[in-house]
Protein backbone atom coordinates (compact mmCIF):
# COMPACT_ATOMS: atom_id res chain seq x y z
CA UNK A 1 0.00 0.00 0.00
CA UNK A 2 1.33 3.45 -0.85
CA UNK A 3 1.17 6.46 1.41
CA UNK A 4 -0.46 9.80 0.58
CA UNK A 5 2.98 11.41 0.32
CA UNK A 6 4.04 8.87 -2.32
CA UNK A 7 0.88 8.21 -4.38
CA UNK A 8 2.38 6.22 -7.24
CA UNK A 9 5.46 4.79 -5.57
CA UNK A 10 8.05 6.61 -7.69
CA UNK A 11 11.29 8.18 -6.47
CA UNK A 12 14.40 9.37 -8.24
CA UNK A 13 18.00 9.58 -7.18
CA UNK A 14 21.06 11.21 -8.65
CA UNK A 15 24.04 8.99 -9.26
CA UNK A 16 27.68 9.94 -9.61
CA UNK A 17 28.55 11.06 -13.10
CA UNK A 18 25.22 12.82 -13.60
CA UNK A 19 23.03 9.74 -14.11
CA UNK A 20 19.51 9.67 -12.67
CA UNK A 21 17.71 6.50 -11.63
CA UNK A 22 13.93 6.44 -11.45
CA UNK A 23 12.74 3.88 -8.91
CA UNK A 24 9.29 2.35 -8.62
CA UNK A 25 8.60 0.80 -5.22
CA UNK A 26 12.34 0.60 -4.59
CA UNK A 27 13.33 -1.04 -7.89
CA UNK A 28 15.08 0.71 -10.75
CA UNK A 29 12.54 1.37 -13.50
CA UNK A 30 14.62 3.67 -15.72
CA UNK A 31 18.10 5.16 -15.90
CA UNK A 32 18.68 8.53 -17.55
CA UNK A 33 22.05 9.76 -18.72
CA UNK A 34 23.43 12.94 -20.20
CA UNK A 35 21.00 15.50 -21.61
CA UNK A 36 17.95 13.38 -20.77
CA UNK A 37 18.97 13.33 -17.10
CA UNK A 38 19.55 17.10 -17.05
CA UNK A 39 16.16 17.79 -18.70
CA UNK A 40 14.41 15.45 -16.26
CA UNK A 41 15.99 17.10 -13.21
CA UNK A 42 15.07 20.58 -14.45
CA UNK A 43 11.47 19.50 -15.07
CA UNK A 44 10.97 17.52 -11.86
CA UNK A 45 12.26 20.40 -9.71
CA UNK A 46 9.49 22.64 -11.04
CA UNK A 47 6.75 20.06 -10.30
CA UNK A 48 4.74 19.43 -7.16
CA UNK A 49 4.55 15.91 -5.73
CA UNK A 50 1.66 14.64 -7.85
CA UNK A 51 3.03 16.14 -11.07
CA UNK A 52 6.44 14.59 -10.36
CA UNK A 53 4.79 11.19 -9.91
CA UNK A 54 3.00 11.60 -13.23
CA UNK A 55 6.21 12.66 -14.95
CA UNK A 56 8.09 9.61 -13.68
CA UNK A 57 5.18 7.31 -14.59
CA UNK A 58 5.15 8.65 -18.15
CA UNK A 59 8.91 8.34 -18.35
CA UNK A 60 8.87 4.68 -17.36
CA UNK A 61 5.75 3.79 -19.36
CA UNK A 62 3.91 2.83 -16.17
CA UNK A 63 0.72 4.83 -16.49
CA UNK A 64 -2.91 4.23 -17.38
CA UNK A 65 -3.56 3.84 -21.06
CA UNK A 66 -7.30 4.48 -21.03
CA UNK A 67 -8.46 0.95 -21.81
CA UNK A 68 -8.79 -0.38 -18.27
CA UNK A 69 -12.57 -0.09 -18.23
CA UNK A 70 -12.92 -2.02 -21.48
CA UNK A 71 -10.48 -4.71 -20.37
CA UNK A 72 -12.57 -5.39 -17.28
CA UNK A 73 -15.55 -6.18 -19.49
CA UNK A 74 -13.66 -8.76 -21.57
CA UNK A 75 -14.97 -12.33 -21.03
CA UNK A 76 -11.60 -13.64 -19.82
CA UNK A 77 -11.50 -10.95 -17.07
CA UNK A 78 -15.03 -11.47 -15.79
CA UNK A 79 -15.35 -13.37 -12.53
PDB file of N, CA and C in Angstrom:
ATOM      1  N   UNK A   1       0.857  -1.183   0.000  1.00  0.00           N
ATOM      2  CA  UNK A   1       0.000   0.000   0.000  1.00  0.00           C
ATOM      3  C   UNK A   1       0.897   1.238   0.000  1.00  0.00           C
ATOM      4  N   UNK A   2       0.529   2.232  -0.774  1.00  0.00           N
ATOM      5  CA  UNK A   2       1.328   3.451  -0.848  1.00  0.00           C
ATOM      6  C   UNK A   2       0.761   4.505   0.085  1.00  0.00           C
ATOM      7  N   UNK A   3       1.605   5.399   0.514  1.00  0.00           N
ATOM      8  CA  UNK A   3       1.165   6.464   1.412  1.00  0.00           C
ATOM      9  C   UNK A   3       0.690   7.659   0.601  1.00  0.00           C
ATOM     10  N   UNK A   4       0.039   8.601   1.261  1.00  0.00           N
ATOM     11  CA  UNK A   4      -0.458   9.798   0.581  1.00  0.00           C
ATOM     12  C   UNK A   4       0.695  10.653   0.071  1.00  0.00           C
ATOM     13  N   UNK A   5       1.841  10.610   0.744  1.00  0.00           N
ATOM     14  CA  UNK A   5       2.979  11.411   0.316  1.00  0.00           C
ATOM     15  C   UNK A   5       3.643  10.824  -0.924  1.00  0.00           C
ATOM     16  N   UNK A   6       3.411   9.545  -1.208  1.00  0.00           N
ATOM     17  CA  UNK A   6       4.044   8.868  -2.324  1.00  0.00           C
ATOM     18  C   UNK A   6       2.971   8.112  -3.108  1.00  0.00           C
ATOM     19  N   UNK A   7       2.075   8.824  -3.825  1.00  0.00           N
ATOM     20  CA  UNK A   7       0.881   8.211  -4.375  1.00  0.00           C
ATOM     21  C   UNK A   7       1.126   7.126  -5.406  1.00  0.00           C
ATOM     22  N   UNK A   8       2.167   7.224  -6.199  1.00  0.00           N
ATOM     23  CA  UNK A   8       2.378   6.221  -7.238  1.00  0.00           C
ATOM     24  C   UNK A   8       3.607   5.365  -6.977  1.00  0.00           C
ATOM     25  N   UNK A   9       4.328   5.616  -5.920  1.00  0.00           N
ATOM     26  CA  UNK A   9       5.463   4.788  -5.572  1.00  0.00           C
ATOM     27  C   UNK A   9       6.750   5.095  -6.308  1.00  0.00           C
ATOM     28  N   UNK A  10       6.845   6.252  -6.945  1.00  0.00           N
ATOM     29  CA  UNK A  10       8.051   6.613  -7.686  1.00  0.00           C
ATOM     30  C   UNK A  10       8.957   7.503  -6.860  1.00  0.00           C
ATOM     31  N   UNK A  11      10.264   7.312  -7.029  1.00  0.00           N
ATOM     32  CA  UNK A  11      11.286   8.183  -6.473  1.00  0.00           C
ATOM     33  C   UNK A  11      12.364   8.310  -7.532  1.00  0.00           C
ATOM     34  N   UNK A  12      13.225   9.293  -7.357  1.00  0.00           N
ATOM     35  CA  UNK A  12      14.396   9.373  -8.237  1.00  0.00           C
ATOM     36  C   UNK A  12      15.613   9.688  -7.388  1.00  0.00           C
ATOM     37  N   UNK A  13      16.758   9.272  -7.890  1.00  0.00           N
ATOM     38  CA  UNK A  13      17.998   9.575  -7.181  1.00  0.00           C
ATOM     39  C   UNK A  13      19.087   9.880  -8.205  1.00  0.00           C
ATOM     40  N   UNK A  14      19.925  10.822  -7.813  1.00  0.00           N
ATOM     41  CA  UNK A  14      21.065  11.211  -8.652  1.00  0.00           C
ATOM     42  C   UNK A  14      22.217  10.270  -8.357  1.00  0.00           C
ATOM     43  N   UNK A  15      22.876   9.854  -9.391  1.00  0.00           N
ATOM     44  CA  UNK A  15      24.044   8.991  -9.259  1.00  0.00           C
ATOM     45  C   UNK A  15      25.298   9.797  -9.597  1.00  0.00           C
ATOM     46  N   UNK A  16      26.435   9.271  -9.245  1.00  0.00           N
ATOM     47  CA  UNK A  16      27.681   9.939  -9.611  1.00  0.00           C
ATOM     48  C   UNK A  16      27.814   9.933 -11.126  1.00  0.00           C
ATOM     49  N   UNK A  17      28.396  10.957 -11.660  1.00  0.00           N
ATOM     50  CA  UNK A  17      28.553  11.063 -13.103  1.00  0.00           C
ATOM     51  C   UNK A  17      27.369  11.703 -13.789  1.00  0.00           C
ATOM     52  N   UNK A  18      26.359  12.126 -13.019  1.00  0.00           N
ATOM     53  CA  UNK A  18      25.220  12.822 -13.599  1.00  0.00           C
ATOM     54  C   UNK A  18      24.048  11.943 -13.988  1.00  0.00           C
ATOM     55  N   UNK A  19      24.143  10.626 -13.795  1.00  0.00           N
ATOM     56  CA  UNK A  19      23.031   9.741 -14.114  1.00  0.00           C
ATOM     57  C   UNK A  19      21.897   9.927 -13.108  1.00  0.00           C
ATOM     58  N   UNK A  20      20.682   9.619 -13.544  1.00  0.00           N
ATOM     59  CA  UNK A  20      19.515   9.673 -12.672  1.00  0.00           C
ATOM     60  C   UNK A  20      18.797   8.341 -12.787  1.00  0.00           C
ATOM     61  N   UNK A  21      18.495   7.735 -11.651  1.00  0.00           N
ATOM     62  CA  UNK A  21      17.715   6.501 -11.625  1.00  0.00           C
ATOM     63  C   UNK A  21      16.312   6.829 -11.152  1.00  0.00           C
ATOM     64  N   UNK A  22      15.320   6.320 -11.857  1.00  0.00           N
ATOM     65  CA  UNK A  22      13.926   6.440 -11.450  1.00  0.00           C
ATOM     66  C   UNK A  22      13.544   5.092 -10.858  1.00  0.00           C
ATOM     67  N   UNK A  23      13.094   5.115  -9.612  1.00  0.00           N
ATOM     68  CA  UNK A  23      12.742   3.884  -8.911  1.00  0.00           C
ATOM     69  C   UNK A  23      11.231   3.794  -8.741  1.00  0.00           C
ATOM     70  N   UNK A  24      10.694   2.599  -8.867  1.00  0.00           N
ATOM     71  CA  UNK A  24       9.286   2.351  -8.624  1.00  0.00           C
ATOM     72  C   UNK A  24       9.199   1.288  -7.544  1.00  0.00           C
ATOM     73  N   UNK A  25       8.675   1.666  -6.397  1.00  0.00           N
ATOM     74  CA  UNK A  25       8.603   0.799  -5.217  1.00  0.00           C
ATOM     75  C   UNK A  25       9.964   0.188  -4.901  1.00  0.00           C
ATOM     76  N   UNK A  26      11.015   1.015  -4.984  1.00  0.00           N
ATOM     77  CA  UNK A  26      12.343   0.599  -4.593  1.00  0.00           C
ATOM     78  C   UNK A  26      13.170  -0.096  -5.656  1.00  0.00           C
ATOM     79  N   UNK A  27      12.592  -0.378  -6.820  1.00  0.00           N
ATOM     80  CA  UNK A  27      13.327  -1.042  -7.889  1.00  0.00           C
ATOM     81  C   UNK A  27      13.584  -0.060  -9.026  1.00  0.00           C
ATOM     82  N   UNK A  28      14.736  -0.184  -9.650  1.00  0.00           N
ATOM     83  CA  UNK A  28      15.082   0.710 -10.752  1.00  0.00           C
ATOM     84  C   UNK A  28      14.151   0.443 -11.928  1.00  0.00           C
ATOM     85  N   UNK A  29      13.452   1.483 -12.366  1.00  0.00           N
ATOM     86  CA  UNK A  29      12.537   1.374 -13.496  1.00  0.00           C
ATOM     87  C   UNK A  29      13.120   2.021 -14.749  1.00  0.00           C
ATOM     88  N   UNK A  30      14.004   2.997 -14.580  1.00  0.00           N
ATOM     89  CA  UNK A  30      14.625   3.673 -15.720  1.00  0.00           C
ATOM     90  C   UNK A  30      15.909   4.339 -15.250  1.00  0.00           C
ATOM     91  N   UNK A  31      16.853   4.439 -16.162  1.00  0.00           N
ATOM     92  CA  UNK A  31      18.101   5.159 -15.904  1.00  0.00           C
ATOM     93  C   UNK A  31      18.280   6.190 -16.997  1.00  0.00           C
ATOM     94  N   UNK A  32      18.490   7.434 -16.599  1.00  0.00           N
ATOM     95  CA  UNK A  32      18.677   8.532 -17.549  1.00  0.00           C
ATOM     96  C   UNK A  32      20.120   8.992 -17.487  1.00  0.00           C
ATOM     97  N   UNK A  33      20.660   9.300 -18.647  1.00  0.00           N
ATOM     98  CA  UNK A  33      22.046   9.758 -18.718  1.00  0.00           C
ATOM     99  C   UNK A  33      22.127  11.008 -19.585  1.00  0.00           C
ATOM    100  N   UNK A  34      23.133  11.795 -19.350  1.00  0.00           N
ATOM    101  CA  UNK A  34      23.433  12.942 -20.200  1.00  0.00           C
ATOM    102  C   UNK A  34      22.345  13.996 -20.217  1.00  0.00           C
ATOM    103  N   UNK A  35      21.989  14.438 -21.443  1.00  0.00           N
ATOM    104  CA  UNK A  35      21.000  15.504 -21.611  1.00  0.00           C
ATOM    105  C   UNK A  35      19.624  15.109 -21.087  1.00  0.00           C
ATOM    106  N   UNK A  36      19.259  13.832 -21.254  1.00  0.00           N
ATOM    107  CA  UNK A  36      17.949  13.381 -20.770  1.00  0.00           C
ATOM    108  C   UNK A  36      17.861  13.527 -19.253  1.00  0.00           C
ATOM    109  N   UNK A  37      18.948  13.197 -18.564  1.00  0.00           N
ATOM    110  CA  UNK A  37      18.967  13.329 -17.104  1.00  0.00           C
ATOM    111  C   UNK A  37      18.868  14.792 -16.688  1.00  0.00           C
ATOM    112  N   UNK A  38      19.583  15.661 -17.382  1.00  0.00           N
ATOM    113  CA  UNK A  38      19.546  17.097 -17.055  1.00  0.00           C
ATOM    114  C   UNK A  38      18.157  17.676 -17.305  1.00  0.00           C
ATOM    115  N   UNK A  39      17.518  17.298 -18.412  1.00  0.00           N
ATOM    116  CA  UNK A  39      16.156  17.787 -18.698  1.00  0.00           C
ATOM    117  C   UNK A  39      15.174  17.286 -17.650  1.00  0.00           C
ATOM    118  N   UNK A  40      15.299  16.016 -17.267  1.00  0.00           N
ATOM    119  CA  UNK A  40      14.409  15.450 -16.263  1.00  0.00           C
ATOM    120  C   UNK A  40      14.547  16.194 -14.937  1.00  0.00           C
ATOM    121  N   UNK A  41      15.774  16.414 -14.489  1.00  0.00           N
ATOM    122  CA  UNK A  41      15.986  17.097 -13.210  1.00  0.00           C
ATOM    123  C   UNK A  41      15.430  18.510 -13.231  1.00  0.00           C
ATOM    124  N   UNK A  42      15.605  19.214 -14.348  1.00  0.00           N
ATOM    125  CA  UNK A  42      15.066  20.575 -14.452  1.00  0.00           C
ATOM    126  C   UNK A  42      13.541  20.552 -14.393  1.00  0.00           C
ATOM    127  N   UNK A  43      12.929  19.570 -15.046  1.00  0.00           N
ATOM    128  CA  UNK A  43      11.469  19.504 -15.072  1.00  0.00           C
ATOM    129  C   UNK A  43      10.900  19.045 -13.729  1.00  0.00           C
ATOM    130  N   UNK A  44      11.515  18.051 -13.104  1.00  0.00           N
ATOM    131  CA  UNK A  44      10.971  17.522 -11.862  1.00  0.00           C
ATOM    132  C   UNK A  44      11.104  18.524 -10.717  1.00  0.00           C
ATOM    133  N   UNK A  45      12.107  19.395 -10.757  1.00  0.00           N
ATOM    134  CA  UNK A  45      12.262  20.403  -9.708  1.00  0.00           C
ATOM    135  C   UNK A  45      11.175  21.464  -9.762  1.00  0.00           C
ATOM    136  N   UNK A  46      10.557  21.648 -10.925  1.00  0.00           N
ATOM    137  CA  UNK A  46       9.490  22.639 -11.040  1.00  0.00           C
ATOM    138  C   UNK A  46       8.105  22.036 -10.808  1.00  0.00           C
ATOM    139  N   UNK A  47       8.042  20.746 -10.496  1.00  0.00           N
ATOM    140  CA  UNK A  47       6.753  20.058 -10.295  1.00  0.00           C
ATOM    141  C   UNK A  47       6.429  19.937  -8.812  1.00  0.00           C
ATOM    142  N   UNK A  48       5.134  19.808  -8.521  1.00  0.00           N
ATOM    143  CA  UNK A  48       4.740  19.435  -7.164  1.00  0.00           C
ATOM    144  C   UNK A  48       4.786  17.904  -7.074  1.00  0.00           C
ATOM    145  N   UNK A  49       4.435  17.346  -5.945  1.00  0.00           N
ATOM    146  CA  UNK A  49       4.547  15.906  -5.728  1.00  0.00           C
ATOM    147  C   UNK A  49       3.770  15.061  -6.714  1.00  0.00           C
ATOM    148  N   UNK A  50       2.503  15.410  -6.939  1.00  0.00           N
ATOM    149  CA  UNK A  50       1.656  14.637  -7.847  1.00  0.00           C
ATOM    150  C   UNK A  50       2.161  14.748  -9.285  1.00  0.00           C
ATOM    151  N   UNK A  51       2.528  15.945  -9.704  1.00  0.00           N
ATOM    152  CA  UNK A  51       3.035  16.137 -11.065  1.00  0.00           C
ATOM    153  C   UNK A  51       4.338  15.373 -11.274  1.00  0.00           C
ATOM    154  N   UNK A  52       5.185  15.340 -10.257  1.00  0.00           N
ATOM    155  CA  UNK A  52       6.441  14.591 -10.359  1.00  0.00           C
ATOM    156  C   UNK A  52       6.162  13.103 -10.508  1.00  0.00           C
ATOM    157  N   UNK A  53       5.165  12.600  -9.770  1.00  0.00           N
ATOM    158  CA  UNK A  53       4.791  11.191  -9.906  1.00  0.00           C
ATOM    159  C   UNK A  53       4.303  10.893 -11.323  1.00  0.00           C
ATOM    160  N   UNK A  54       3.494  11.786 -11.868  1.00  0.00           N
ATOM    161  CA  UNK A  54       2.999  11.603 -13.230  1.00  0.00           C
ATOM    162  C   UNK A  54       4.136  11.641 -14.237  1.00  0.00           C
ATOM    163  N   UNK A  55       5.059  12.550 -14.055  1.00  0.00           N
ATOM    164  CA  UNK A  55       6.211  12.660 -14.946  1.00  0.00           C
ATOM    165  C   UNK A  55       7.021  11.363 -14.945  1.00  0.00           C
ATOM    166  N   UNK A  56       7.307  10.837 -13.765  1.00  0.00           N
ATOM    167  CA  UNK A  56       8.090   9.606 -13.682  1.00  0.00           C
ATOM    168  C   UNK A  56       7.316   8.408 -14.221  1.00  0.00           C
ATOM    169  N   UNK A  57       5.995   8.399 -14.031  1.00  0.00           N
ATOM    170  CA  UNK A  57       5.184   7.313 -14.589  1.00  0.00           C
ATOM    171  C   UNK A  57       5.226   7.350 -16.115  1.00  0.00           C
ATOM    172  N   UNK A  58       5.085   8.537 -16.681  1.00  0.00           N
ATOM    173  CA  UNK A  58       5.154   8.652 -18.151  1.00  0.00           C
ATOM    174  C   UNK A  58       6.521   8.248 -18.668  1.00  0.00           C
ATOM    175  N   UNK A  59       7.539   8.640 -17.946  1.00  0.00           N
ATOM    176  CA  UNK A  59       8.911   8.340 -18.348  1.00  0.00           C
ATOM    177  C   UNK A  59       9.167   6.837 -18.387  1.00  0.00           C
ATOM    178  N   UNK A  60       8.636   6.116 -17.436  1.00  0.00           N
ATOM    179  CA  UNK A  60       8.873   4.676 -17.360  1.00  0.00           C
ATOM    180  C   UNK A  60       7.843   3.878 -18.154  1.00  0.00           C
ATOM    181  N   UNK A  61       6.792   4.520 -18.630  1.00  0.00           N
ATOM    182  CA  UNK A  61       5.749   3.790 -19.360  1.00  0.00           C
ATOM    183  C   UNK A  61       4.739   3.146 -18.430  1.00  0.00           C
ATOM    184  N   UNK A  62       4.804   3.434 -17.149  1.00  0.00           N
ATOM    185  CA  UNK A  62       3.912   2.833 -16.173  1.00  0.00           C
ATOM    186  C   UNK A  62       2.797   3.825 -15.832  1.00  0.00           C
ATOM    187  N   UNK A  63       1.826   3.928 -16.708  1.00  0.00           N
ATOM    188  CA  UNK A  63       0.716   4.826 -16.488  1.00  0.00           C
ATOM    189  C   UNK A  63      -0.515   4.260 -17.176  1.00  0.00           C
ATOM    190  N   UNK A  64      -1.676   4.748 -16.813  1.00  0.00           N
ATOM    191  CA  UNK A  64      -2.914   4.234 -17.384  1.00  0.00           C
ATOM    192  C   UNK A  64      -3.005   4.594 -18.857  1.00  0.00           C
ATOM    193  N   UNK A  65      -3.486   3.666 -19.608  1.00  0.00           N
ATOM    194  CA  UNK A  65      -3.559   3.837 -21.056  1.00  0.00           C
ATOM    195  C   UNK A  65      -4.976   4.130 -21.555  1.00  0.00           C
ATOM    196  N   UNK A  66      -5.942   4.124 -20.654  1.00  0.00           N
ATOM    197  CA  UNK A  66      -7.299   4.484 -21.032  1.00  0.00           C
ATOM    198  C   UNK A  66      -8.185   3.303 -21.392  1.00  0.00           C
ATOM    199  N   UNK A  67      -7.653   2.085 -21.417  1.00  0.00           N
ATOM    200  CA  UNK A  67      -8.464   0.945 -21.809  1.00  0.00           C
ATOM    201  C   UNK A  67      -8.799   0.028 -20.635  1.00  0.00           C
ATOM    202  N   UNK A  68      -8.557   0.476 -19.415  1.00  0.00           N
ATOM    203  CA  UNK A  68      -8.786  -0.380 -18.267  1.00  0.00           C
ATOM    204  C   UNK A  68     -10.262  -0.746 -18.115  1.00  0.00           C
ATOM    205  N   UNK A  69     -11.141   0.188 -18.375  1.00  0.00           N
ATOM    206  CA  UNK A  69     -12.567  -0.089 -18.227  1.00  0.00           C
ATOM    207  C   UNK A  69     -13.016  -1.149 -19.223  1.00  0.00           C
ATOM    208  N   UNK A  70     -12.557  -1.048 -20.463  1.00  0.00           N
ATOM    209  CA  UNK A  70     -12.919  -2.024 -21.483  1.00  0.00           C
ATOM    210  C   UNK A  70     -12.325  -3.397 -21.180  1.00  0.00           C
ATOM    211  N   UNK A  71     -11.121  -3.440 -20.669  1.00  0.00           N
ATOM    212  CA  UNK A  71     -10.476  -4.714 -20.370  1.00  0.00           C
ATOM    213  C   UNK A  71     -11.233  -5.464 -19.273  1.00  0.00           C
ATOM    214  N   UNK A  72     -11.813  -4.746 -18.341  1.00  0.00           N
ATOM    215  CA  UNK A  72     -12.572  -5.387 -17.284  1.00  0.00           C
ATOM    216  C   UNK A  72     -13.841  -6.046 -17.775  1.00  0.00           C
ATOM    217  N   UNK A  73     -14.327  -5.625 -18.914  1.00  0.00           N
ATOM    218  CA  UNK A  73     -15.546  -6.184 -19.494  1.00  0.00           C
ATOM    219  C   UNK A  73     -15.281  -7.375 -20.411  1.00  0.00           C
ATOM    220  N   UNK A  74     -14.014  -7.640 -20.695  1.00  0.00           N
ATOM    221  CA  UNK A  74     -13.662  -8.762 -21.571  1.00  0.00           C
ATOM    222  C   UNK A  74     -14.021 -10.080 -20.890  1.00  0.00           C
ATOM    223  N   UNK A  75     -14.539 -11.064 -21.647  1.00  0.00           N
ATOM    224  CA  UNK A  75     -14.967 -12.326 -21.028  1.00  0.00           C
ATOM    225  C   UNK A  75     -13.885 -13.016 -20.186  1.00  0.00           C
ATOM    226  N   UNK A  76     -12.628 -12.936 -20.591  1.00  0.00           N
ATOM    227  CA  UNK A  76     -11.602 -13.644 -19.818  1.00  0.00           C
ATOM    228  C   UNK A  76     -11.345 -12.959 -18.480  1.00  0.00           C
ATOM    229  N   UNK A  77     -11.741 -11.691 -18.323  1.00  0.00           N
ATOM    230  CA  UNK A  77     -11.503 -10.950 -17.073  1.00  0.00           C
ATOM    231  C   UNK A  77     -12.733 -10.912 -16.179  1.00  0.00           C
ATOM    232  N   UNK A  78     -13.824 -11.448 -16.622  1.00  0.00           N
ATOM    233  CA  UNK A  78     -15.034 -11.470 -15.788  1.00  0.00           C
ATOM    234  C   UNK A  78     -14.914 -12.592 -14.772  1.00  0.00           C
ATOM    235  N   UNK A  79     -15.402 -12.333 -13.579  1.00  0.00           N
ATOM    236  CA  UNK A  79     -15.350 -13.367 -12.528  1.00  0.00           C
ATOM    237  C   UNK A  79     -16.678 -13.485 -11.867  1.00  0.00           C
TER     238      UNK A  79
END
